[in-house]
Amino acid sequence: MTHTLTSPALRADASQQAHRRRHGRGFWIVTFVFMVTMAFAAAPAPLYVLYQQRGGFSAFTITIIFAAYAAGVVASLFLAGHISDRFGRRRVIAPAVLLNVVAALIFLVWPDLPGLLLARFVCGLGIGMLTATATAHMTELHSAARPGTGSRRAEVISTAANIGGLGLGPLITGFLAEYVPMPLYTPYVVFAFLLLAGLLLIVTVPETVNNVDDTWVYRPQRVVVPRAARGQYVAAAMMAFVGFAMFGFFTSLAPSFLARQLGITSHVVAGAVAFVVFASSAAFQVLSSRWERSRQFVVGLILLGAGLGLVTVSIAASSLPLLIAGGLVAGSGVGVTFKSAIGTVIAISAPETRGEALAGLFLVGYVGMAVPVVLLGLILQTTALVPAVVMFGAVMLALIVITAVTLSRAYGRGRPLPAGSPVSSK
């Protein structure tokens, strides 16, 4: 009996089960760390009104503070977002989280404008290192924990952790700022604790990049996808650009609009408005996860356009209900388009360059998050709010139309979905 229980076959099976359990636990640890770090990245949104009151900042100054974060993300994605393909996922995630701990400390000790700019830039550096790396790590951990099940579940959870975390940050900060003393300090202490806990957990996660190429030479970001799939990659990148532009508006200027245009100074309301956008995005990702890729594209762009229209009308009419409705619709559109963009990139990229391809997608997305909002802030310097937002809406609508045309060219000629996509492999 003892010989039977310790036979090589049983030992191999037990080892395989332990391997799967370790990777399964690692998957959920990375999910937690990803979500908490993204939550911290969006946490200052409800506090911008307080910073404005304290420092006399204009709306344009707020967009510059926000742009410092986006600049950090873009710089990091361009310079370091892809290096996990060479050095390993865990070795990049850990310093990315540590950078956000440093950003939290800067917020605490230097709450003036230079400190805010530095803290947001450092936070952006960490997020740029994290987004593509965590997404690729979760995909690989899931594959090891559940071999042969496809990547759809990992895509849904990773994008939900990303976008859902961005929604939770303002919601948590809004409640803390409203009901807990020292609103410009307490939220950062709470998030610093959570980030440190995640940092301790991440060292226990299995590494999934084990084949070291000694001929590898560092170079800045480039995107490697099959030549035949480049049109699909461009379409995915354009969807990320348009969707993140909507996120940029709700995390930078929407709280100021609530306070100045509607007279709503509640930090909970400001955080809840941002949360509605990101929560609807995460929820719609799950709802649409089994749809065909073409349906995701079409529905997502329609929802983006409709949400953009509602947001524009809400500002012209100074209506909070319309703003919330527009946020719900636009957030849903971002969710399904971003989910399909992530799925497309994962499907068309080779495993050894997946982190780099995803980094390129996030790079375009964060450029979209920063540039349109900064331009809107510049316009607001010389133009009234309503005409400025109408111009912003018109530009965004034109970009949605261009994205739709690009999609039709990439997929409208009878091309099959990329091999390995969740739709074709489930």
Protein backbone atom coordinates (compact mmCIF):
# COMPACT_ATOMS: atom_id res chain seq x y z
CA MET A 1 0.00 0.00 0.00
CA THR A 2 2.81 2.41 0.88
CA HIS A 3 4.49 1.63 -2.40
CA THR A 4 1.26 2.37 -4.26
CA LEU A 5 0.73 5.71 -2.53
CA THR A 6 4.28 6.85 -3.31
CA SER A 7 4.41 5.60 -6.88
CA PRO A 8 6.04 7.94 -9.43
CA ALA A 9 2.70 8.53 -11.16
CA LEU A 10 1.01 9.67 -7.95
CA ARG A 11 3.97 11.82 -6.97
CA ALA A 12 3.93 13.44 -10.40
CA ASP A 13 0.19 14.07 -10.13
CA ALA A 14 0.57 15.58 -6.66
CA SER A 15 3.40 17.78 -7.91
CA GLN A 16 1.29 18.93 -10.85
CA GLN A 17 -1.64 19.75 -8.56
CA ALA A 18 0.64 21.73 -6.24
CA HIS A 19 2.04 23.57 -9.28
CA ARG A 20 -1.46 24.54 -10.38
CA ARG A 21 -2.44 25.67 -6.88
CA ARG A 22 0.65 27.87 -6.57
CA HIS A 23 -0.10 29.53 -9.89
CA GLY A 24 -3.77 29.85 -9.00
CA ARG A 25 -2.89 31.64 -5.75
CA GLY A 26 -0.39 33.76 -7.62
CA PHE A 27 -3.07 34.76 -10.11
CA TRP A 28 -5.28 36.18 -7.35
CA ILE A 29 -2.36 37.88 -5.59
CA VAL A 30 -1.41 39.69 -8.80
CA THR A 31 -5.08 40.58 -9.27
CA PHE A 32 -5.18 42.15 -5.79
CA VAL A 33 -1.91 44.03 -6.27
CA PHE A 34 -2.98 45.23 -9.73
CA MET A 35 -6.35 46.47 -8.46
CA VAL A 36 -4.94 48.23 -5.37
CA THR A 37 -2.21 49.97 -7.34
CA MET A 38 -4.63 51.15 -10.02
CA ALA A 39 -6.98 52.34 -7.25
CA PHE A 40 -4.17 54.44 -5.79
CA ALA A 41 -3.44 55.89 -9.23
CA ALA A 42 -6.97 57.32 -9.45
CA ALA A 43 -7.36 58.09 -5.73
CA PRO A 44 -6.55 61.85 -5.90
CA ALA A 45 -9.51 62.64 -8.19
CA PRO A 46 -11.98 63.71 -5.44
CA LEU A 47 -9.21 65.66 -3.67
CA TYR A 48 -8.47 68.03 -6.55
CA VAL A 49 -11.18 70.42 -5.33
CA LEU A 50 -9.46 70.59 -1.93
CA TYR A 51 -6.10 71.21 -3.57
CA GLN A 52 -7.73 73.96 -5.65
CA GLN A 53 -9.11 75.62 -2.52
CA ARG A 54 -5.81 75.30 -0.69
CA GLY A 55 -3.54 76.49 -3.49
CA GLY A 56 -5.89 78.57 -5.64
CA PHE A 57 -5.33 76.29 -8.63
CA SER A 58 -7.17 76.87 -11.91
CA ALA A 59 -8.81 74.08 -13.92
CA PHE A 60 -5.80 74.15 -16.23
CA THR A 61 -3.44 73.56 -13.29
CA ILE A 62 -5.46 70.48 -12.38
CA THR A 63 -5.08 69.17 -15.94
CA ILE A 64 -1.32 69.76 -15.69
CA ILE A 65 -1.18 67.76 -12.45
CA PHE A 66 -3.13 65.03 -14.19
CA ALA A 67 -0.87 65.27 -17.25
CA ALA A 68 2.19 64.75 -15.02
CA TYR A 69 0.74 61.34 -14.14
CA ALA A 70 0.04 60.50 -17.77
CA ALA A 71 3.52 61.68 -18.77
CA GLY A 72 5.02 59.33 -16.21
CA VAL A 73 2.95 56.45 -17.55
CA VAL A 74 3.89 57.13 -21.16
CA ALA A 75 7.60 57.56 -20.35
CA SER A 76 7.60 54.35 -18.32
CA LEU A 77 5.72 52.37 -20.95
CA PHE A 78 8.12 53.60 -23.63
CA LEU A 79 11.27 52.92 -21.62
CA ALA A 80 10.39 50.03 -19.28
CA GLY A 81 6.90 48.69 -19.98
CA HIS A 82 8.27 45.86 -22.09
CA ILE A 83 11.31 44.71 -20.11
CA SER A 84 9.38 42.04 -18.20
CA ASP A 85 9.63 39.94 -21.37
CA ARG A 86 13.37 39.73 -20.57
CA PHE A 87 13.72 40.09 -16.78
CA GLY A 88 10.51 38.45 -15.62
CA ARG A 89 7.09 39.67 -14.57
CA ARG A 90 7.63 39.65 -10.79
CA ARG A 91 10.89 41.59 -11.00
CA VAL A 92 9.07 44.43 -12.75
CA ILE A 93 5.82 44.37 -10.73
CA ALA A 94 7.60 44.70 -7.36
CA PRO A 95 9.49 47.95 -8.17
CA ALA A 96 6.37 49.29 -9.90
CA VAL A 97 4.41 48.92 -6.65
CA LEU A 98 7.32 50.37 -4.68
CA LEU A 99 7.28 53.49 -6.86
CA ASN A 100 3.65 54.01 -5.91
CA VAL A 101 4.55 53.69 -2.23
CA VAL A 102 7.11 56.45 -2.81
CA ALA A 103 4.42 58.54 -4.54
CA ALA A 104 2.14 58.13 -1.51
CA LEU A 105 4.92 59.35 0.77
CA ILE A 106 5.51 62.40 -1.45
CA PHE A 107 1.80 63.24 -1.26
CA LEU A 108 2.06 63.08 2.54
CA VAL A 109 5.18 65.20 3.04
CA TRP A 110 4.91 67.68 0.13
CA PRO A 111 1.27 68.63 -0.59
CA ASP A 112 2.18 71.79 -2.56
CA LEU A 113 2.09 72.07 -6.36
CA PRO A 114 5.69 70.88 -7.03
CA GLY A 115 5.14 67.91 -4.72
CA LEU A 116 1.83 67.06 -6.40
CA LEU A 117 3.46 67.13 -9.82
CA LEU A 118 6.34 64.94 -8.63
CA ALA A 119 4.06 62.49 -6.83
CA ARG A 120 1.79 62.09 -9.85
CA PHE A 121 4.79 61.63 -12.17
CA VAL A 122 6.34 58.97 -9.91
CA CYS A 123 2.96 57.24 -9.64
CA GLY A 124 2.73 57.26 -13.44
CA LEU A 125 6.17 55.68 -13.74
CA GLY A 126 5.03 52.80 -11.56
CA ILE A 127 1.73 52.36 -13.41
CA GLY A 128 3.51 52.32 -16.76
CA MET A 129 5.69 49.47 -15.54
CA LEU A 130 2.73 47.63 -14.03
CA THR A 131 -0.17 47.63 -16.51
CA ALA A 132 1.15 45.50 -19.35
CA THR A 133 3.33 43.40 -17.05
CA ALA A 134 0.50 42.49 -14.66
CA THR A 135 -1.84 41.74 -17.58
CA ALA A 136 0.70 39.40 -19.17
CA HIS A 137 1.57 37.82 -15.79
CA MET A 138 -2.08 37.11 -15.01
CA THR A 139 -2.59 35.54 -18.44
CA GLU A 140 0.39 33.23 -17.94
CA LEU A 141 -0.46 32.34 -14.33
CA HIS A 142 -4.01 31.49 -15.37
CA SER A 143 -2.72 29.32 -18.21
CA ALA A 144 -0.51 27.39 -15.78
CA ALA A 145 -3.27 27.04 -13.17
CA ARG A 146 -5.97 26.06 -15.68
CA PRO A 147 -4.24 24.58 -18.73
CA GLY A 148 -6.35 24.17 -21.83
CA THR A 149 -9.14 26.52 -20.73
CA GLY A 150 -8.27 29.50 -22.93
CA SER A 151 -7.45 33.05 -21.88
CA ARG A 152 -10.95 34.60 -21.76
CA ARG A 153 -11.29 34.37 -17.95
CA ALA A 154 -7.85 35.91 -17.41
CA GLU A 155 -8.65 38.73 -19.83
CA VAL A 156 -11.93 39.52 -18.06
CA ILE A 157 -10.39 39.54 -14.57
CA SER A 158 -7.26 41.47 -15.55
CA THR A 159 -9.18 44.21 -17.31
CA ALA A 160 -11.70 44.31 -14.46
CA ALA A 161 -8.84 44.67 -11.95
CA ASN A 162 -7.37 47.45 -14.06
CA ILE A 163 -10.54 49.45 -14.71
CA GLY A 164 -12.32 48.40 -11.52
CA GLY A 165 -9.33 49.52 -9.48
CA LEU A 166 -9.44 52.92 -11.16
CA GLY A 167 -13.07 53.17 -10.04
CA LEU A 168 -12.51 52.02 -6.47
CA GLY A 169 -9.76 54.57 -5.85
CA PRO A 170 -11.92 57.72 -6.09
CA LEU A 171 -14.78 56.02 -4.23
CA ILE A 172 -12.57 55.05 -1.26
CA THR A 173 -10.85 58.44 -1.21
CA GLY A 174 -14.19 60.27 -1.42
CA PHE A 175 -15.52 58.48 1.67
CA LEU A 176 -12.29 58.97 3.61
CA ALA A 177 -12.11 62.66 2.67
CA GLU A 178 -15.73 63.20 3.71
CA TYR A 179 -15.86 61.29 6.98
CA VAL A 180 -12.29 60.89 8.28
CA PRO A 181 -10.04 63.67 9.66
CA MET A 182 -7.15 65.06 7.59
CA PRO A 183 -8.63 64.34 4.13
CA LEU A 184 -5.42 65.25 2.29
CA TYR A 185 -3.41 62.76 4.34
CA THR A 186 -5.53 59.84 5.55
CA PRO A 187 -6.29 58.36 2.08
CA TYR A 188 -2.58 58.18 1.25
CA VAL A 189 -1.78 56.46 4.56
CA VAL A 190 -4.45 53.83 3.85
CA PHE A 191 -3.23 53.19 0.31
CA ALA A 192 0.43 53.11 1.39
CA PHE A 193 -0.46 50.32 3.83
CA LEU A 194 -2.33 48.36 1.14
CA LEU A 195 0.50 48.81 -1.36
CA LEU A 196 3.09 47.60 1.16
CA ALA A 197 0.92 44.54 1.88
CA GLY A 198 0.78 43.83 -1.84
CA LEU A 199 4.53 44.24 -2.12
CA LEU A 200 5.06 41.58 0.56
CA LEU A 201 2.64 39.23 -1.20
CA ILE A 202 4.04 39.63 -4.71
CA VAL A 203 7.37 37.99 -3.79
CA THR A 204 5.48 34.71 -3.21
CA VAL A 205 4.07 34.59 -6.75
CA PRO A 206 5.63 32.13 -9.23
CA GLU A 207 7.62 33.63 -12.08
CA THR A 208 6.34 32.83 -15.56
CA VAL A 209 9.25 34.12 -17.68
CA ASN A 210 12.00 31.54 -17.34
CA ASN A 211 13.71 31.43 -20.74
CA VAL A 212 16.47 34.03 -20.53
CA ASP A 213 17.90 35.23 -23.85
CA ASP A 214 21.52 36.19 -23.19
CA THR A 215 21.69 38.01 -26.54
CA TRP A 216 18.96 40.45 -25.48
CA VAL A 217 19.97 44.10 -25.74
CA TYR A 218 17.96 46.91 -24.19
CA ARG A 219 16.12 49.28 -26.48
CA PRO A 220 13.12 51.54 -25.95
CA GLN A 221 9.60 50.29 -26.61
CA ARG A 222 8.67 48.89 -29.96
CA VAL A 223 5.71 46.76 -30.91
CA VAL A 224 6.21 43.36 -32.50
CA VAL A 225 3.09 41.85 -34.05
CA PRO A 226 2.66 39.73 -37.17
CA ARG A 227 2.61 41.85 -40.31
CA ALA A 228 -0.81 40.52 -41.32
CA ALA A 229 -2.26 41.59 -37.95
CA ARG A 230 -0.98 45.17 -37.89
CA GLY A 231 -4.29 46.60 -39.04
CA GLN A 232 -6.01 44.86 -36.14
CA TYR A 233 -3.41 46.21 -33.73
CA VAL A 234 -3.90 49.76 -34.98
CA ALA A 235 -7.65 49.40 -34.55
CA ALA A 236 -7.18 48.11 -31.00
CA ALA A 237 -4.84 51.01 -30.17
CA MET A 238 -7.33 53.57 -31.49
CA MET A 239 -10.06 52.09 -29.30
CA ALA A 240 -7.76 52.40 -26.28
CA PHE A 241 -7.01 56.04 -27.17
CA VAL A 242 -10.67 57.06 -27.43
CA GLY A 243 -11.77 55.13 -24.36
CA PHE A 244 -9.01 56.43 -22.10
CA ALA A 245 -9.78 60.00 -23.21
CA MET A 246 -13.20 59.60 -21.57
CA PHE A 247 -11.53 58.27 -18.42
CA GLY A 248 -9.22 61.28 -18.42
CA PHE A 249 -12.16 63.67 -18.44
CA PHE A 250 -13.90 62.00 -15.51
CA THR A 251 -10.78 61.74 -13.34
CA SER A 252 -9.44 65.25 -13.96
CA LEU A 253 -12.16 67.79 -14.74
CA ALA A 254 -15.45 66.19 -13.67
CA PRO A 255 -14.91 66.81 -9.90
CA SER A 256 -14.16 70.47 -10.59
CA PHE A 257 -17.28 70.70 -12.77
CA LEU A 258 -19.40 69.26 -9.95
CA ALA A 259 -18.07 71.80 -7.45
CA ARG A 260 -18.03 74.93 -9.59
CA GLN A 261 -20.90 74.43 -12.05
CA LEU A 262 -23.33 72.44 -9.90
CA GLY A 263 -22.27 73.63 -6.44
CA ILE A 264 -21.82 70.03 -5.22
CA THR A 265 -18.89 69.95 -2.81
CA SER A 266 -19.42 66.45 -1.40
CA HIS A 267 -16.27 64.36 -1.82
CA VAL A 268 -18.42 61.23 -1.74
CA VAL A 269 -20.43 62.43 -4.76
CA ALA A 270 -17.25 63.35 -6.64
CA GLY A 271 -15.78 59.93 -5.93
CA ALA A 272 -19.05 58.18 -6.75
CA VAL A 273 -19.33 59.87 -10.16
CA ALA A 274 -15.87 58.61 -11.12
CA PHE A 275 -16.69 55.20 -9.63
CA VAL A 276 -19.86 54.92 -11.75
CA VAL A 277 -17.83 55.35 -14.93
CA PHE A 278 -15.18 52.78 -14.04
CA ALA A 279 -17.61 50.34 -12.39
CA SER A 280 -19.89 50.30 -15.44
CA SER A 281 -16.80 49.74 -17.56
CA ALA A 282 -15.69 46.76 -15.47
CA ALA A 283 -19.22 45.33 -15.29
CA PHE A 284 -19.79 45.58 -19.02
CA GLN A 285 -16.51 43.83 -19.68
CA VAL A 286 -17.88 40.82 -17.83
CA LEU A 287 -21.28 41.07 -19.52
CA SER A 288 -19.77 41.21 -23.00
CA SER A 289 -16.96 38.70 -22.42
CA ARG A 290 -18.65 35.92 -24.42
CA TRP A 291 -19.72 38.09 -27.32
CA GLU A 292 -18.11 37.73 -30.70
CA ARG A 293 -15.30 40.20 -31.26
CA SER A 294 -17.16 42.03 -34.04
CA ARG A 295 -20.17 42.56 -31.77
CA GLN A 296 -17.91 43.94 -29.03
CA PHE A 297 -16.45 46.46 -31.47
CA VAL A 298 -19.80 47.68 -32.77
CA VAL A 299 -21.62 47.90 -29.43
CA GLY A 300 -18.64 49.50 -27.72
CA LEU A 301 -18.28 52.31 -30.24
CA ILE A 302 -22.04 52.97 -30.25
CA LEU A 303 -22.05 53.23 -26.46
CA LEU A 304 -19.02 55.50 -26.52
CA GLY A 305 -20.69 57.87 -28.96
CA ALA A 306 -23.98 57.88 -27.03
CA GLY A 307 -22.22 58.42 -23.71
CA LEU A 308 -20.18 61.26 -25.14
CA GLY A 309 -23.39 62.93 -26.34
CA LEU A 310 -25.04 62.59 -22.92
CA VAL A 311 -21.99 64.00 -21.12
CA THR A 312 -21.90 67.00 -23.47
CA VAL A 313 -25.61 67.68 -22.97
CA SER A 314 -25.30 67.24 -19.19
CA ILE A 315 -22.67 69.97 -18.98
CA ALA A 316 -24.64 72.30 -21.24
CA ALA A 317 -27.74 71.73 -19.09
CA SER A 318 -25.86 71.63 -15.74
CA SER A 319 -27.55 68.31 -14.97
CA LEU A 320 -26.06 65.80 -12.53
CA PRO A 321 -28.45 62.96 -13.52
CA LEU A 322 -27.49 63.34 -17.18
CA LEU A 323 -23.79 63.42 -16.25
CA ILE A 324 -24.18 60.17 -14.30
CA ALA A 325 -26.18 58.61 -17.16
CA GLY A 326 -23.52 59.70 -19.64
CA GLY A 327 -20.83 58.26 -17.40
CA LEU A 328 -22.66 54.94 -17.18
CA VAL A 329 -23.10 54.68 -20.96
CA ALA A 330 -19.61 55.93 -21.83
CA GLY A 331 -18.02 53.71 -19.18
CA SER A 332 -19.82 50.68 -20.59
CA GLY A 333 -18.53 51.58 -24.04
CA VAL A 334 -14.96 51.92 -22.78
CA GLY A 335 -15.27 48.59 -20.99
CA VAL A 336 -16.29 46.54 -24.00
CA THR A 337 -13.93 48.29 -26.44
CA PHE A 338 -10.96 48.01 -24.10
CA LYS A 339 -11.75 44.37 -23.36
CA SER A 340 -11.85 43.60 -27.08
CA ALA A 341 -8.63 45.57 -27.63
CA ILE A 342 -6.81 43.59 -24.91
CA GLY A 343 -8.15 40.31 -26.31
CA THR A 344 -7.06 41.21 -29.82
CA VAL A 345 -3.50 42.09 -28.76
CA ILE A 346 -3.12 38.95 -26.65
CA ALA A 347 -4.39 36.84 -29.55
CA ILE A 348 -2.18 38.30 -32.28
CA SER A 349 1.08 38.60 -30.31
CA ALA A 350 3.60 35.84 -29.66
CA PRO A 351 4.13 34.89 -25.97
CA GLU A 352 7.73 36.13 -25.95
CA THR A 353 6.65 39.62 -27.12
CA ARG A 354 3.24 39.78 -25.44
CA GLY A 355 4.34 42.16 -22.70
CA GLU A 356 5.79 44.51 -25.29
CA ALA A 357 2.68 44.44 -27.48
CA LEU A 358 0.45 45.12 -24.46
CA ALA A 359 2.77 47.92 -23.34
CA GLY A 360 2.31 49.56 -26.73
CA LEU A 361 -1.46 49.35 -26.37
CA PHE A 362 -1.40 50.92 -22.90
CA LEU A 363 1.01 53.59 -24.12
CA VAL A 364 -1.46 54.72 -26.77
CA GLY A 365 -4.28 54.56 -24.22
CA TYR A 366 -2.52 56.81 -21.74
CA VAL A 367 -1.59 59.28 -24.45
CA GLY A 368 -5.32 59.39 -25.14
CA MET A 369 -6.00 59.92 -21.43
CA ALA A 370 -3.69 62.94 -21.25
CA VAL A 371 -3.60 64.83 -24.54
CA PRO A 372 -7.33 65.54 -25.16
CA VAL A 373 -7.90 66.56 -21.52
CA VAL A 374 -4.90 68.91 -21.49
CA LEU A 375 -6.14 70.46 -24.73
CA LEU A 376 -9.56 70.90 -23.12
CA GLY A 377 -7.89 72.60 -20.16
CA LEU A 378 -6.09 74.97 -22.52
CA ILE A 379 -9.33 75.80 -24.32
CA LEU A 380 -11.01 76.53 -20.98
CA GLN A 381 -8.42 79.26 -20.38
CA THR A 382 -10.01 81.41 -23.10
CA THR A 383 -13.41 79.83 -23.75
CA ALA A 384 -16.51 79.31 -21.63
CA LEU A 385 -17.20 75.82 -20.31
CA VAL A 386 -20.09 74.84 -22.58
CA PRO A 387 -18.49 75.79 -25.94
CA ALA A 388 -15.23 74.20 -24.83
CA VAL A 389 -16.94 70.91 -23.96
CA VAL A 390 -18.90 70.98 -27.23
CA MET A 391 -15.60 71.31 -29.12
CA PHE A 392 -14.13 68.49 -27.05
CA GLY A 393 -17.17 66.33 -27.83
CA ALA A 394 -16.96 67.05 -31.55
CA VAL A 395 -13.29 66.05 -31.69
CA MET A 396 -13.95 62.87 -29.71
CA LEU A 397 -16.89 61.97 -31.96
CA ALA A 398 -14.69 62.41 -35.02
CA LEU A 399 -12.11 60.08 -33.46
CA ILE A 400 -14.83 57.48 -32.81
CA VAL A 401 -15.88 57.64 -36.47
CA ILE A 402 -12.25 57.28 -37.62
CA THR A 403 -11.86 54.29 -35.30
CA ALA A 404 -14.99 52.69 -36.77
CA VAL A 405 -13.61 53.14 -40.30
CA THR A 406 -10.27 51.63 -39.26
CA LEU A 407 -12.07 48.66 -37.72
CA SER A 408 -14.13 48.07 -40.83
CA ARG A 409 -10.97 48.01 -42.93
CA ALA A 410 -9.17 45.66 -40.53
CA TYR A 411 -12.05 43.19 -40.08
CA GLY A 412 -14.53 43.95 -42.82
CA ARG A 413 -12.87 42.03 -45.63
CA GLY A 414 -13.77 38.60 -44.38
CA ARG A 415 -10.66 38.23 -42.24
CA PRO A 416 -11.05 35.67 -39.47
CA LEU A 417 -10.61 36.54 -35.82
CA PRO A 418 -7.03 36.11 -34.61
CA ALA A 419 -6.15 32.58 -33.72
CA GLY A 420 -6.20 31.99 -30.00
CA SER A 421 -8.73 34.74 -29.27
CA PRO A 422 -11.17 33.90 -26.53
CA VAL A 423 -14.02 33.96 -28.99
CA SER A 424 -12.47 31.37 -31.29
CA SER A 425 -10.95 29.15 -28.63
CA LYS A 426 -13.55 28.92 -25.90
